[in-house]
PDB file of N, CA and C in Angstrom:
ATOM      1  N   UNK A   1     126.534 145.875 -22.630  1.00  0.00           N
ATOM      2  CA  UNK A   1     125.907 144.712 -23.226  1.00  0.00           C
ATOM      3  C   UNK A   1     127.002 143.751 -23.660  1.00  0.00           C
ATOM      4  N   UNK A   2     126.750 142.467 -23.438  1.00  0.00           N
ATOM      5  CA  UNK A   2     127.689 141.438 -23.821  1.00  0.00           C
ATOM      6  C   UNK A   2     127.392 141.002 -25.277  1.00  0.00           C
ATOM      7  N   UNK A   3     128.393 140.340 -25.857  1.00  0.00           N
ATOM      8  CA  UNK A   3     128.231 139.879 -27.261  1.00  0.00           C
ATOM      9  C   UNK A   3     127.016 138.960 -27.404  1.00  0.00           C
ATOM     10  N   UNK A   4     126.834 138.082 -26.457  1.00  0.00           N
ATOM     11  CA  UNK A   4     125.717 137.124 -26.585  1.00  0.00           C
ATOM     12  C   UNK A   4     124.365 137.862 -26.526  1.00  0.00           C
ATOM     13  N   UNK A   5     124.271 138.939 -25.726  1.00  0.00           N
ATOM     14  CA  UNK A   5     123.047 139.720 -25.687  1.00  0.00           C
ATOM     15  C   UNK A   5     122.833 140.490 -27.013  1.00  0.00           C
ATOM     16  N   UNK A   6     123.914 141.007 -27.545  1.00  0.00           N
ATOM     17  CA  UNK A   6     123.825 141.729 -28.818  1.00  0.00           C
ATOM     18  C   UNK A   6     123.338 140.789 -29.919  1.00  0.00           C
ATOM     19  N   UNK A   7     123.874 139.598 -29.959  1.00  0.00           N
ATOM     20  CA  UNK A   7     123.465 138.604 -30.972  1.00  0.00           C
ATOM     21  C   UNK A   7     122.017 138.229 -30.815  1.00  0.00           C
ATOM     22  N   UNK A   8     121.569 138.074 -29.563  1.00  0.00           N
ATOM     23  CA  UNK A   8     120.160 137.732 -29.343  1.00  0.00           C
ATOM     24  C   UNK A   8     119.239 138.850 -29.777  1.00  0.00           C
ATOM     25  N   UNK A   9     119.713 140.100 -29.725  1.00  0.00           N
ATOM     26  CA  UNK A   9     118.875 141.259 -30.055  1.00  0.00           C
ATOM     27  C   UNK A   9     118.941 141.672 -31.513  1.00  0.00           C
ATOM     28  N   UNK A  10     119.713 141.005 -32.313  1.00  0.00           N
ATOM     29  CA  UNK A  10     119.838 141.403 -33.718  1.00  0.00           C
ATOM     30  C   UNK A  10     118.503 141.322 -34.456  1.00  0.00           C
ATOM     31  N   UNK A  11     117.738 140.287 -34.180  1.00  0.00           N
ATOM     32  CA  UNK A  11     116.425 140.137 -34.831  1.00  0.00           C
ATOM     33  C   UNK A  11     115.541 141.316 -34.425  1.00  0.00           C
ATOM     34  N   UNK A  12     115.561 141.692 -33.160  1.00  0.00           N
ATOM     35  CA  UNK A  12     114.734 142.821 -32.718  1.00  0.00           C
ATOM     36  C   UNK A  12     115.184 144.127 -33.346  1.00  0.00           C
ATOM     37  N   UNK A  13     116.507 144.285 -33.560  1.00  0.00           N
ATOM     38  CA  UNK A  13     117.006 145.491 -34.212  1.00  0.00           C
ATOM     39  C   UNK A  13     116.514 145.550 -35.656  1.00  0.00           C
ATOM     40  N   UNK A  14     116.669 144.449 -36.369  1.00  0.00           N
ATOM     41  CA  UNK A  14     116.282 144.430 -37.796  1.00  0.00           C
ATOM     42  C   UNK A  14     114.766 144.691 -37.938  1.00  0.00           C
ATOM     43  N   UNK A  15     113.990 144.221 -36.990  1.00  0.00           N
ATOM     44  CA  UNK A  15     112.535 144.392 -37.052  1.00  0.00           C
ATOM     45  C   UNK A  15     112.048 145.642 -36.327  1.00  0.00           C
ATOM     46  N   UNK A  16     112.979 146.513 -35.909  1.00  0.00           N
ATOM     47  CA  UNK A  16     112.630 147.795 -35.225  1.00  0.00           C
ATOM     48  C   UNK A  16     111.748 147.528 -34.032  1.00  0.00           C
ATOM     49  N   UNK A  17     112.161 146.591 -33.206  1.00  0.00           N
ATOM     50  CA  UNK A  17     111.358 146.182 -32.062  1.00  0.00           C
ATOM     51  C   UNK A  17     112.164 146.308 -30.771  1.00  0.00           C
ATOM     52  N   UNK A  18     112.798 147.456 -30.559  1.00  0.00           N
ATOM     53  CA  UNK A  18     113.598 147.685 -29.345  1.00  0.00           C
ATOM     54  C   UNK A  18     113.190 149.012 -28.728  1.00  0.00           C
ATOM     55  N   UNK A  19     113.232 149.064 -27.411  1.00  0.00           N
ATOM     56  CA  UNK A  19     113.019 150.321 -26.739  1.00  0.00           C
ATOM     57  C   UNK A  19     114.244 151.216 -26.984  1.00  0.00           C
ATOM     58  N   UNK A  20     114.082 152.492 -26.733  1.00  0.00           N
ATOM     59  CA  UNK A  20     115.210 153.422 -26.971  1.00  0.00           C
ATOM     60  C   UNK A  20     116.394 153.072 -26.090  1.00  0.00           C
ATOM     61  N   UNK A  21     116.142 152.688 -24.869  1.00  0.00           N
ATOM     62  CA  UNK A  21     117.244 152.328 -23.960  1.00  0.00           C
ATOM     63  C   UNK A  21     117.971 151.096 -24.483  1.00  0.00           C
ATOM     64  N   UNK A  22     117.206 150.068 -24.865  1.00  0.00           N
ATOM     65  CA  UNK A  22     117.824 148.853 -25.432  1.00  0.00           C
ATOM     66  C   UNK A  22     118.593 149.175 -26.692  1.00  0.00           C
ATOM     67  N   UNK A  23     117.997 150.024 -27.527  1.00  0.00           N
ATOM     68  CA  UNK A  23     118.631 150.403 -28.773  1.00  0.00           C
ATOM     69  C   UNK A  23     119.970 151.121 -28.519  1.00  0.00           C
ATOM     70  N   UNK A  24     119.967 152.021 -27.535  1.00  0.00           N
ATOM     71  CA  UNK A  24     121.211 152.740 -27.206  1.00  0.00           C
ATOM     72  C   UNK A  24     122.303 151.766 -26.757  1.00  0.00           C
ATOM     73  N   UNK A  25     121.984 150.820 -25.903  1.00  0.00           N
ATOM     74  CA  UNK A  25     122.971 149.851 -25.436  1.00  0.00           C
ATOM     75  C   UNK A  25     123.453 148.964 -26.592  1.00  0.00           C
ATOM     76  N   UNK A  26     122.498 148.564 -27.441  1.00  0.00           N
ATOM     77  CA  UNK A  26     122.835 147.727 -28.590  1.00  0.00           C
ATOM     78  C   UNK A  26     123.813 148.484 -29.545  1.00  0.00           C
ATOM     79  N   UNK A  27     123.485 149.741 -29.864  1.00  0.00           N
ATOM     80  CA  UNK A  27     124.305 150.507 -30.779  1.00  0.00           C
ATOM     81  C   UNK A  27     125.686 150.751 -30.180  1.00  0.00           C
ATOM     82  N   UNK A  28     125.743 151.018 -28.881  1.00  0.00           N
ATOM     83  CA  UNK A  28     127.030 151.230 -28.237  1.00  0.00           C
ATOM     84  C   UNK A  28     127.903 149.973 -28.382  1.00  0.00           C
ATOM     85  N   UNK A  29     127.290 148.842 -28.198  1.00  0.00           N
ATOM     86  CA  UNK A  29     128.076 147.592 -28.324  1.00  0.00           C
ATOM     87  C   UNK A  29     128.489 147.355 -29.762  1.00  0.00           C
ATOM     88  N   UNK A  30     127.553 147.545 -30.704  1.00  0.00           N
ATOM     89  CA  UNK A  30     127.853 147.283 -32.107  1.00  0.00           C
ATOM     90  C   UNK A  30     128.944 148.247 -32.615  1.00  0.00           C
ATOM     91  N   UNK A  31     128.946 149.474 -32.101  1.00  0.00           N
ATOM     92  CA  UNK A  31     129.946 150.439 -32.520  1.00  0.00           C
ATOM     93  C   UNK A  31     131.351 150.125 -32.003  1.00  0.00           C
ATOM     94  N   UNK A  32     131.417 149.353 -30.916  1.00  0.00           N
ATOM     95  CA  UNK A  32     132.722 149.091 -30.277  1.00  0.00           C
ATOM     96  C   UNK A  32     133.179 147.615 -30.450  1.00  0.00           C
ATOM     97  N   UNK A  33     132.356 146.779 -31.042  1.00  0.00           N
ATOM     98  CA  UNK A  33     132.688 145.351 -31.174  1.00  0.00           C
ATOM     99  C   UNK A  33     132.665 144.934 -32.643  1.00  0.00           C
ATOM    100  N   UNK A  34     133.822 144.860 -33.280  1.00  0.00           N
ATOM    101  CA  UNK A  34     133.871 144.522 -34.720  1.00  0.00           C
ATOM    102  C   UNK A  34     133.251 143.157 -35.029  1.00  0.00           C
ATOM    103  N   UNK A  35     133.435 142.186 -34.158  1.00  0.00           N
ATOM    104  CA  UNK A  35     132.889 140.852 -34.460  1.00  0.00           C
ATOM    105  C   UNK A  35     131.362 140.869 -34.421  1.00  0.00           C
ATOM    106  N   UNK A  36     130.778 141.615 -33.483  1.00  0.00           N
ATOM    107  CA  UNK A  36     129.300 141.711 -33.435  1.00  0.00           C
ATOM    108  C   UNK A  36     128.782 142.541 -34.621  1.00  0.00           C
ATOM    109  N   UNK A  37     129.535 143.544 -35.042  1.00  0.00           N
ATOM    110  CA  UNK A  37     129.126 144.292 -36.219  1.00  0.00           C
ATOM    111  C   UNK A  37     129.105 143.365 -37.434  1.00  0.00           C
ATOM    112  N   UNK A  38     130.139 142.543 -37.587  1.00  0.00           N
ATOM    113  CA  UNK A  38     130.174 141.589 -38.715  1.00  0.00           C
ATOM    114  C   UNK A  38     128.983 140.615 -38.637  1.00  0.00           C
ATOM    115  N   UNK A  39     128.691 140.159 -37.444  1.00  0.00           N
ATOM    116  CA  UNK A  39     127.571 139.250 -37.229  1.00  0.00           C
ATOM    117  C   UNK A  39     126.256 139.947 -37.631  1.00  0.00           C
ATOM    118  N   UNK A  40     126.113 141.223 -37.221  1.00  0.00           N
ATOM    119  CA  UNK A  40     124.932 142.019 -37.564  1.00  0.00           C
ATOM    120  C   UNK A  40     124.836 142.187 -39.079  1.00  0.00           C
ATOM    121  N   UNK A  41     125.950 142.473 -39.712  1.00  0.00           N
ATOM    122  CA  UNK A  41     125.974 142.653 -41.154  1.00  0.00           C
ATOM    123  C   UNK A  41     125.496 141.393 -41.864  1.00  0.00           C
ATOM    124  N   UNK A  42     125.952 140.242 -41.393  1.00  0.00           N
ATOM    125  CA  UNK A  42     125.535 138.970 -41.979  1.00  0.00           C
ATOM    126  C   UNK A  42     124.054 138.724 -41.734  1.00  0.00           C
ATOM    127  N   UNK A  43     123.626 138.929 -40.479  1.00  0.00           N
ATOM    128  CA  UNK A  43     122.218 138.709 -40.138  1.00  0.00           C
ATOM    129  C   UNK A  43     121.305 139.607 -40.940  1.00  0.00           C
ATOM    130  N   UNK A  44     121.710 140.891 -41.012  1.00  0.00           N
ATOM    131  CA  UNK A  44     120.929 141.909 -41.722  1.00  0.00           C
ATOM    132  C   UNK A  44     120.837 141.553 -43.213  1.00  0.00           C
ATOM    133  N   UNK A  45     121.959 141.141 -43.788  1.00  0.00           N
ATOM    134  CA  UNK A  45     121.998 140.788 -45.214  1.00  0.00           C
ATOM    135  C   UNK A  45     121.023 139.662 -45.508  1.00  0.00           C
ATOM    136  N   UNK A  46     121.064 138.655 -44.699  1.00  0.00           N
ATOM    137  CA  UNK A  46     120.173 137.489 -44.898  1.00  0.00           C
ATOM    138  C   UNK A  46     118.710 137.902 -44.715  1.00  0.00           C
ATOM    139  N   UNK A  47     118.427 138.669 -43.638  1.00  0.00           N
ATOM    140  CA  UNK A  47     117.058 139.087 -43.388  1.00  0.00           C
ATOM    141  C   UNK A  47     116.496 139.951 -44.498  1.00  0.00           C
ATOM    142  N   UNK A  48     117.285 140.929 -44.934  1.00  0.00           N
ATOM    143  CA  UNK A  48     116.819 141.830 -46.007  1.00  0.00           C
ATOM    144  C   UNK A  48     116.693 141.061 -47.326  1.00  0.00           C
ATOM    145  N   UNK A  49     117.643 140.197 -47.614  1.00  0.00           N
ATOM    146  CA  UNK A  49     117.584 139.436 -48.855  1.00  0.00           C
ATOM    147  C   UNK A  49     116.317 138.565 -48.894  1.00  0.00           C
ATOM    148  N   UNK A  50     116.001 137.915 -47.789  1.00  0.00           N
ATOM    149  CA  UNK A  50     114.782 137.114 -47.715  1.00  0.00           C
ATOM    150  C   UNK A  50     113.551 137.980 -47.881  1.00  0.00           C
ATOM    151  N   UNK A  51     113.583 139.132 -47.249  1.00  0.00           N
ATOM    152  CA  UNK A  51     112.435 140.050 -47.380  1.00  0.00           C
ATOM    153  C   UNK A  51     112.228 140.453 -48.839  1.00  0.00           C
ATOM    154  N   UNK A  52     113.295 140.819 -49.517  1.00  0.00           N
ATOM    155  CA  UNK A  52     113.166 141.267 -50.897  1.00  0.00           C
ATOM    156  C   UNK A  52     112.880 140.152 -51.873  1.00  0.00           C
ATOM    157  N   UNK A  53     113.302 138.919 -51.517  1.00  0.00           N
ATOM    158  CA  UNK A  53     112.919 137.785 -52.321  1.00  0.00           C
ATOM    159  C   UNK A  53     111.411 137.558 -52.221  1.00  0.00           C
ATOM    160  N   UNK A  54     110.888 137.712 -50.999  1.00  0.00           N
ATOM    161  CA  UNK A  54     109.448 137.587 -50.834  1.00  0.00           C
ATOM    162  C   UNK A  54     108.680 138.684 -51.575  1.00  0.00           C
ATOM    163  N   UNK A  55     109.198 139.900 -51.508  1.00  0.00           N
ATOM    164  CA  UNK A  55     108.538 141.042 -52.120  1.00  0.00           C
ATOM    165  C   UNK A  55     108.728 141.046 -53.627  1.00  0.00           C
ATOM    166  N   UNK A  56     109.909 140.576 -54.055  1.00  0.00           N
ATOM    167  CA  UNK A  56     110.262 140.563 -55.467  1.00  0.00           C
ATOM    168  C   UNK A  56     110.127 141.919 -56.122  1.00  0.00           C
ATOM    169  N   UNK A  57     110.631 142.969 -55.432  1.00  0.00           N
ATOM    170  CA  UNK A  57     110.507 144.288 -55.991  1.00  0.00           C
ATOM    171  C   UNK A  57     111.822 144.874 -56.519  1.00  0.00           C
ATOM    172  N   UNK A  58     112.920 144.125 -56.373  1.00  0.00           N
ATOM    173  CA  UNK A  58     114.186 144.538 -56.973  1.00  0.00           C
ATOM    174  C   UNK A  58     114.936 145.598 -56.182  1.00  0.00           C
ATOM    175  N   UNK A  59     114.414 146.127 -55.102  1.00  0.00           N
ATOM    176  CA  UNK A  59     115.145 147.114 -54.297  1.00  0.00           C
ATOM    177  C   UNK A  59     116.043 146.426 -53.309  1.00  0.00           C
ATOM    178  N   UNK A  60     116.911 147.184 -52.707  1.00  0.00           N
ATOM    179  CA  UNK A  60     117.653 146.703 -51.587  1.00  0.00           C
ATOM    180  C   UNK A  60     118.891 145.901 -51.903  1.00  0.00           C
ATOM    181  N   UNK A  61     119.432 146.020 -53.093  1.00  0.00           N
ATOM    182  CA  UNK A  61     120.606 145.252 -53.433  1.00  0.00           C
ATOM    183  C   UNK A  61     121.860 145.759 -52.767  1.00  0.00           C
ATOM    184  N   UNK A  62     121.902 147.001 -52.377  1.00  0.00           N
ATOM    185  CA  UNK A  62     123.056 147.525 -51.620  1.00  0.00           C
ATOM    186  C   UNK A  62     122.774 147.358 -50.149  1.00  0.00           C
ATOM    187  N   UNK A  63     122.807 146.151 -49.672  1.00  0.00           N
ATOM    188  CA  UNK A  63     122.406 145.859 -48.288  1.00  0.00           C
ATOM    189  C   UNK A  63     123.362 146.449 -47.284  1.00  0.00           C
ATOM    190  N   UNK A  64     124.706 146.418 -47.448  1.00  0.00           N
ATOM    191  CA  UNK A  64     125.560 147.068 -46.457  1.00  0.00           C
ATOM    192  C   UNK A  64     125.253 148.569 -46.305  1.00  0.00           C
ATOM    193  N   UNK A  65     124.941 149.229 -47.390  1.00  0.00           N
ATOM    194  CA  UNK A  65     124.567 150.652 -47.297  1.00  0.00           C
ATOM    195  C   UNK A  65     123.249 150.809 -46.549  1.00  0.00           C
ATOM    196  N   UNK A  66     122.299 149.924 -46.810  1.00  0.00           N
ATOM    197  CA  UNK A  66     121.028 149.968 -46.084  1.00  0.00           C
ATOM    198  C   UNK A  66     121.241 149.754 -44.588  1.00  0.00           C
ATOM    199  N   UNK A  67     122.157 148.849 -44.239  1.00  0.00           N
ATOM    200  CA  UNK A  67     122.438 148.592 -42.821  1.00  0.00           C
ATOM    201  C   UNK A  67     123.030 149.852 -42.174  1.00  0.00           C
ATOM    202  N   UNK A  68     123.963 150.484 -42.848  1.00  0.00           N
ATOM    203  CA  UNK A  68     124.574 151.711 -42.307  1.00  0.00           C
ATOM    204  C   UNK A  68     123.500 152.798 -42.144  1.00  0.00           C
ATOM    205  N   UNK A  69     122.611 152.900 -43.120  1.00  0.00           N
ATOM    206  CA  UNK A  69     121.518 153.869 -43.020  1.00  0.00           C
ATOM    207  C   UNK A  69     120.594 153.538 -41.836  1.00  0.00           C
ATOM    208  N   UNK A  70     120.290 152.257 -41.688  1.00  0.00           N
ATOM    209  CA  UNK A  70     119.423 151.834 -40.591  1.00  0.00           C
ATOM    210  C   UNK A  70     120.087 152.088 -39.225  1.00  0.00           C
ATOM    211  N   UNK A  71     121.389 151.847 -39.131  1.00  0.00           N
ATOM    212  CA  UNK A  71     122.106 152.134 -37.887  1.00  0.00           C
ATOM    213  C   UNK A  71     122.101 153.634 -37.574  1.00  0.00           C
ATOM    214  N   UNK A  72     122.279 154.444 -38.614  1.00  0.00           N
ATOM    215  CA  UNK A  72     122.295 155.898 -38.396  1.00  0.00           C
ATOM    216  C   UNK A  72     120.923 156.384 -37.954  1.00  0.00           C
ATOM    217  N   UNK A  73     119.860 155.874 -38.544  1.00  0.00           N
ATOM    218  CA  UNK A  73     118.513 156.229 -38.106  1.00  0.00           C
ATOM    219  C   UNK A  73     118.288 155.842 -36.639  1.00  0.00           C
ATOM    220  N   UNK A  74     118.793 154.695 -36.252  1.00  0.00           N
ATOM    221  CA  UNK A  74     118.672 154.245 -34.853  1.00  0.00           C
ATOM    222  C   UNK A  74     119.460 155.174 -33.931  1.00  0.00           C
ATOM    223  N   UNK A  75     120.657 155.569 -34.342  1.00  0.00           N
ATOM    224  CA  UNK A  75     121.440 156.502 -33.511  1.00  0.00           C
ATOM    225  C   UNK A  75     120.734 157.841 -33.380  1.00  0.00           C
ATOM    226  N   UNK A  76     120.130 158.318 -34.466  1.00  0.00           N
ATOM    227  CA  UNK A  76     119.332 159.569 -34.407  1.00  0.00           C
ATOM    228  C   UNK A  76     118.184 159.456 -33.447  1.00  0.00           C
ATOM    229  N   UNK A  77     117.503 158.301 -33.464  1.00  0.00           N
ATOM    230  CA  UNK A  77     116.387 158.068 -32.555  1.00  0.00           C
ATOM    231  C   UNK A  77     116.827 158.153 -31.088  1.00  0.00           C
ATOM    232  N   UNK A  78     117.969 157.525 -30.793  1.00  0.00           N
ATOM    233  CA  UNK A  78     118.495 157.544 -29.432  1.00  0.00           C
ATOM    234  C   UNK A  78     118.858 158.969 -29.031  1.00  0.00           C
ATOM    235  N   UNK A  79     119.524 159.720 -29.928  1.00  0.00           N
ATOM    236  CA  UNK A  79     119.908 161.112 -29.609  1.00  0.00           C
ATOM    237  C   UNK A  79     118.677 161.981 -29.396  1.00  0.00           C
ATOM    238  N   UNK A  80     117.660 161.830 -30.245  1.00  0.00           N
ATOM    239  CA  UNK A  80     116.409 162.618 -30.074  1.00  0.00           C
ATOM    240  C   UNK A  80     115.752 162.347 -28.722  1.00  0.00           C
ATOM    241  N   UNK A  81     115.720 161.078 -28.358  1.00  0.00           N
ATOM    242  CA  UNK A  81     115.099 160.708 -27.094  1.00  0.00           C
ATOM    243  C   UNK A  81     115.882 161.282 -25.908  1.00  0.00           C
ATOM    244  N   UNK A  82     117.217 161.246 -25.984  1.00  0.00           N
ATOM    245  CA  UNK A  82     118.048 161.814 -24.914  1.00  0.00           C
ATOM    246  C   UNK A  82     117.808 163.311 -24.815  1.00  0.00           C
ATOM    247  N   UNK A  83     117.752 164.019 -25.975  1.00  0.00           N
ATOM    248  CA  UNK A  83     117.494 165.457 -25.960  1.00  0.00           C
ATOM    249  C   UNK A  83     116.134 165.757 -25.355  1.00  0.00           C
ATOM    250  N   UNK A  84     115.153 164.955 -25.699  1.00  0.00           N
ATOM    251  CA  UNK A  84     113.810 165.144 -25.170  1.00  0.00           C
ATOM    252  C   UNK A  84     113.814 165.068 -23.628  1.00  0.00           C
ATOM    253  N   UNK A  85     114.512 164.101 -23.080  1.00  0.00           N
ATOM    254  CA  UNK A  85     114.541 163.956 -21.604  1.00  0.00           C
ATOM    255  C   UNK A  85     115.337 165.092 -20.958  1.00  0.00           C
ATOM    256  N   UNK A  86     116.390 165.573 -21.618  1.00  0.00           N
ATOM    257  CA  UNK A  86     117.140 166.709 -21.076  1.00  0.00           C
ATOM    258  C   UNK A  86     116.257 167.929 -21.026  1.00  0.00           C
ATOM    259  N   UNK A  87     115.542 168.223 -22.130  1.00  0.00           N
ATOM    260  CA  UNK A  87     114.625 169.356 -22.200  1.00  0.00           C
ATOM    261  C   UNK A  87     113.544 169.227 -21.142  1.00  0.00           C
ATOM    262  N   UNK A  88     112.992 168.039 -21.019  1.00  0.00           N
ATOM    263  CA  UNK A  88     111.954 167.783 -20.016  1.00  0.00           C
ATOM    264  C   UNK A  88     112.466 168.076 -18.629  1.00  0.00           C
ATOM    265  N   UNK A  89     113.682 167.645 -18.282  1.00  0.00           N
ATOM    266  CA  UNK A  89     114.216 167.877 -16.989  1.00  0.00           C
ATOM    267  C   UNK A  89     114.486 169.371 -16.726  1.00  0.00           C
ATOM    268  N   UNK A  90     114.984 170.047 -17.746  1.00  0.00           N
ATOM    269  CA  UNK A  90     115.219 171.501 -17.602  1.00  0.00           C
ATOM    270  C   UNK A  90     113.895 172.224 -17.360  1.00  0.00           C
ATOM    271  N   UNK A  91     112.861 171.870 -18.102  1.00  0.00           N
ATOM    272  CA  UNK A  91     111.552 172.499 -17.909  1.00  0.00           C
ATOM    273  C   UNK A  91     111.002 172.245 -16.506  1.00  0.00           C
ATOM    274  N   UNK A  92     111.179 171.026 -16.033  1.00  0.00           N
ATOM    275  CA  UNK A  92     110.724 170.717 -14.673  1.00  0.00           C
ATOM    276  C   UNK A  92     111.462 171.511 -13.624  1.00  0.00           C
ATOM    277  N   UNK A  93     112.775 171.684 -13.821  1.00  0.00           N
ATOM    278  CA  UNK A  93     113.545 172.498 -12.880  1.00  0.00           C
ATOM    279  C   UNK A  93     113.085 173.929 -12.902  1.00  0.00           C
ATOM    280  N   UNK A  94     112.856 174.460 -14.100  1.00  0.00           N
ATOM    281  CA  UNK A  94     112.347 175.871 -14.221  1.00  0.00           C
ATOM    282  C   UNK A  94     110.990 175.978 -13.513  1.00  0.00           C
ATOM    283  N   UNK A  95     110.143 175.025 -13.694  1.00  0.00           N
ATOM    284  CA  UNK A  95     108.825 175.034 -13.061  1.00  0.00           C
ATOM    285  C   UNK A  95     108.963 175.022 -11.535  1.00  0.00           C
ATOM    286  N   UNK A  96     109.806 174.171 -11.013  1.00  0.00           N
ATOM    287  CA  UNK A  96     109.987 174.098  -9.553  1.00  0.00           C
ATOM    288  C   UNK A  96     110.560 175.393  -9.033  1.00  0.00           C
ATOM    289  N   UNK A  97     111.544 175.945  -9.706  1.00  0.00           N
ATOM    290  CA  UNK A  97     112.126 177.217  -9.252  1.00  0.00           C
ATOM    291  C   UNK A  97     111.078 178.316  -9.284  1.00  0.00           C
ATOM    292  N   UNK A  98     110.292 178.366 -10.334  1.00  0.00           N
ATOM    293  CA  UNK A  98     109.236 179.363 -10.463  1.00  0.00           C
ATOM    294  C   UNK A  98     108.218 179.220  -9.325  1.00  0.00           C
ATOM    295  N   UNK A  99     107.831 178.025  -9.004  1.00  0.00           N
ATOM    296  CA  UNK A  99     106.877 177.792  -7.909  1.00  0.00           C
ATOM    297  C   UNK A  99     107.486 178.204  -6.577  1.00  0.00           C
ATOM    298  N   UNK A 100     108.775 177.921  -6.376  1.00  0.00           N
ATOM    299  CA  UNK A 100     109.428 178.306  -5.129  1.00  0.00           C
ATOM    300  C   UNK A 100     109.487 179.833  -4.994  1.00  0.00           C
ATOM    301  N   UNK A 101     109.801 180.523  -6.085  1.00  0.00           N
ATOM    302  CA  UNK A 101     109.828 181.970  -6.060  1.00  0.00           C
ATOM    303  C   UNK A 101     108.424 182.522  -5.751  1.00  0.00           C
ATOM    304  N   UNK A 102     107.412 181.945  -6.384  1.00  0.00           N
ATOM    305  CA  UNK A 102     106.040 182.401  -6.105  1.00  0.00           C
ATOM    306  C   UNK A 102     105.682 182.190  -4.631  1.00  0.00           C
ATOM    307  N   UNK A 103     106.064 181.073  -4.054  1.00  0.00           N
ATOM    308  CA  UNK A 103     105.788 180.794  -2.644  1.00  0.00           C
ATOM    309  C   UNK A 103     106.487 181.819  -1.756  1.00  0.00           C
ATOM    310  N   UNK A 104     107.719 182.174  -2.119  1.00  0.00           N
ATOM    311  CA  UNK A 104     108.449 183.172  -1.337  1.00  0.00           C
ATOM    312  C   UNK A 104     107.729 184.493  -1.357  1.00  0.00           C
ATOM    313  N   UNK A 105     107.253 184.930  -2.527  1.00  0.00           N
ATOM    314  CA  UNK A 105     106.558 186.204  -2.629  1.00  0.00           C
ATOM    315  C   UNK A 105     105.239 186.192  -1.867  1.00  0.00           C
ATOM    316  N   UNK A 106     104.559 185.074  -1.868  1.00  0.00           N
ATOM    317  CA  UNK A 106     103.263 184.995  -1.177  1.00  0.00           C
ATOM    318  C   UNK A 106     103.420 184.838   0.329  1.00  0.00           C
ATOM    319  N   UNK A 107     104.331 184.014   0.748  1.00  0.00           N
ATOM    320  CA  UNK A 107     104.477 183.677   2.159  1.00  0.00           C
ATOM    321  C   UNK A 107     105.275 184.691   2.956  1.00  0.00           C
ATOM    322  N   UNK A 108     106.275 185.293   2.320  1.00  0.00           N
ATOM    323  CA  UNK A 108     107.120 186.198   3.062  1.00  0.00           C
ATOM    324  C   UNK A 108     107.393 187.443   2.214  1.00  0.00           C
ATOM    325  N   UNK A 109     106.533 188.459   2.318  1.00  0.00           N
ATOM    326  CA  UNK A 109     106.721 189.664   1.492  1.00  0.00           C
ATOM    327  C   UNK A 109     108.062 190.341   1.676  1.00  0.00           C
ATOM    328  N   UNK A 110     108.597 190.310   2.870  1.00  0.00           N
ATOM    329  CA  UNK A 110     109.904 190.960   3.117  1.00  0.00           C
ATOM    330  C   UNK A 110     110.981 190.231   2.329  1.00  0.00           C
ATOM    331  N   UNK A 111     110.978 188.908   2.409  1.00  0.00           N
ATOM    332  CA  UNK A 111     111.967 188.132   1.653  1.00  0.00           C
ATOM    333  C   UNK A 111     111.733 188.316   0.158  1.00  0.00           C
ATOM    334  N   UNK A 112     110.481 188.363  -0.228  1.00  0.00           N
ATOM    335  CA  UNK A 112     110.157 188.548  -1.621  1.00  0.00           C
ATOM    336  C   UNK A 112     110.669 189.884  -2.129  1.00  0.00           C
ATOM    337  N   UNK A 113     110.558 190.949  -1.374  1.00  0.00           N
ATOM    338  CA  UNK A 113     111.062 192.262  -1.772  1.00  0.00           C
ATOM    339  C   UNK A 113     112.564 192.239  -1.909  1.00  0.00           C
ATOM    340  N   UNK A 114     113.251 191.606  -0.976  1.00  0.00           N
ATOM    341  CA  UNK A 114     114.708 191.518  -1.053  1.00  0.00           C
ATOM    342  C   UNK A 114     115.132 190.680  -2.247  1.00  0.00           C
ATOM    343  N   UNK A 115     114.408 189.614  -2.487  1.00  0.00           N
ATOM    344  CA  UNK A 115     114.718 188.767  -3.612  1.00  0.00           C
ATOM    345  C   UNK A 115     114.488 189.505  -4.927  1.00  0.00           C
ATOM    346  N   UNK A 116     113.397 190.275  -4.996  1.00  0.00           N
ATOM    347  CA  UNK A 116     113.080 191.071  -6.167  1.00  0.00           C
ATOM    348  C   UNK A 116     114.189 192.095  -6.438  1.00  0.00           C
ATOM    349  N   UNK A 117     114.664 192.746  -5.395  1.00  0.00           N
ATOM    350  CA  UNK A 117     115.746 193.732  -5.542  1.00  0.00           C
ATOM    351  C   UNK A 117     117.014 193.051  -6.039  1.00  0.00           C
ATOM    352  N   UNK A 118     117.287 191.892  -5.453  1.00  0.00           N
ATOM    353  CA  UNK A 118     118.500 191.155  -5.879  1.00  0.00           C
ATOM    354  C   UNK A 118     118.401 190.761  -7.330  1.00  0.00           C
ATOM    355  N   UNK A 119     117.236 190.213  -7.744  1.00  0.00           N
ATOM    356  CA  UNK A 119     117.070 189.804  -9.140  1.00  0.00           C
ATOM    357  C   UNK A 119     117.146 190.990 -10.115  1.00  0.00           C
ATOM    358  N   UNK A 120     116.556 192.116  -9.735  1.00  0.00           N
ATOM    359  CA  UNK A 120     116.624 193.277 -10.640  1.00  0.00           C
ATOM    360  C   UNK A 120     118.053 193.771 -10.740  1.00  0.00           C
ATOM    361  N   UNK A 121     118.780 193.758  -9.615  1.00  0.00           N
ATOM    362  CA  UNK A 121     120.185 194.179  -9.673  1.00  0.00           C
ATOM    363  C   UNK A 121     121.015 193.193 -10.503  1.00  0.00           C
ATOM    364  N   UNK A 122     120.752 191.901 -10.298  1.00  0.00           N
ATOM    365  CA  UNK A 122     121.431 190.872 -11.062  1.00  0.00           C
ATOM    366  C   UNK A 122     121.170 190.988 -12.547  1.00  0.00           C
ATOM    367  N   UNK A 123     119.919 191.259 -12.914  1.00  0.00           N
ATOM    368  CA  UNK A 123     119.568 191.369 -14.337  1.00  0.00           C
ATOM    369  C   UNK A 123     120.194 192.628 -14.982  1.00  0.00           C
ATOM    370  N   UNK A 124     120.374 193.657 -14.183  1.00  0.00           N
ATOM    371  CA  UNK A 124     121.019 194.873 -14.723  1.00  0.00           C
ATOM    372  C   UNK A 124     122.469 194.635 -15.080  1.00  0.00           C
ATOM    373  N   UNK A 125     123.107 193.736 -14.347  1.00  0.00           N
ATOM    374  CA  UNK A 125     124.513 193.411 -14.621  1.00  0.00           C
ATOM    375  C   UNK A 125     124.642 192.803 -15.999  1.00  0.00           C
ATOM    376  N   UNK A 126     123.678 191.986 -16.378  1.00  0.00           N
ATOM    377  CA  UNK A 126     123.718 191.340 -17.672  1.00  0.00           C
ATOM    378  C   UNK A 126     122.920 192.130 -18.638  1.00  0.00           C
TER     379      UNK A 126
END
């Protein structure tokens, strides 16, 4: 992501209006670009200050800390989503392998018997 794209997306970040993919790219840029981080800090400070002036509830005075917390929550969201897709891919691979093994047992009993012997021998090793 370029600096100009990051700056354009700051409003979407503050309003939690980004897809996980966009959020990941945004965070990667913010974590490696000090000038964009400063720009985000300024934008976030103004946005949160205006929000709390409208609400008049007295919370949110430690805005830099709130920004760091918000960034950490966003990073956690991206990590959770990545883990979800890894687990999903592993489960799909297990399903495909299971179906292939079942097809082997049904279609070719001789191959199935040899495969069964191999698997039982392999499992005994471990």
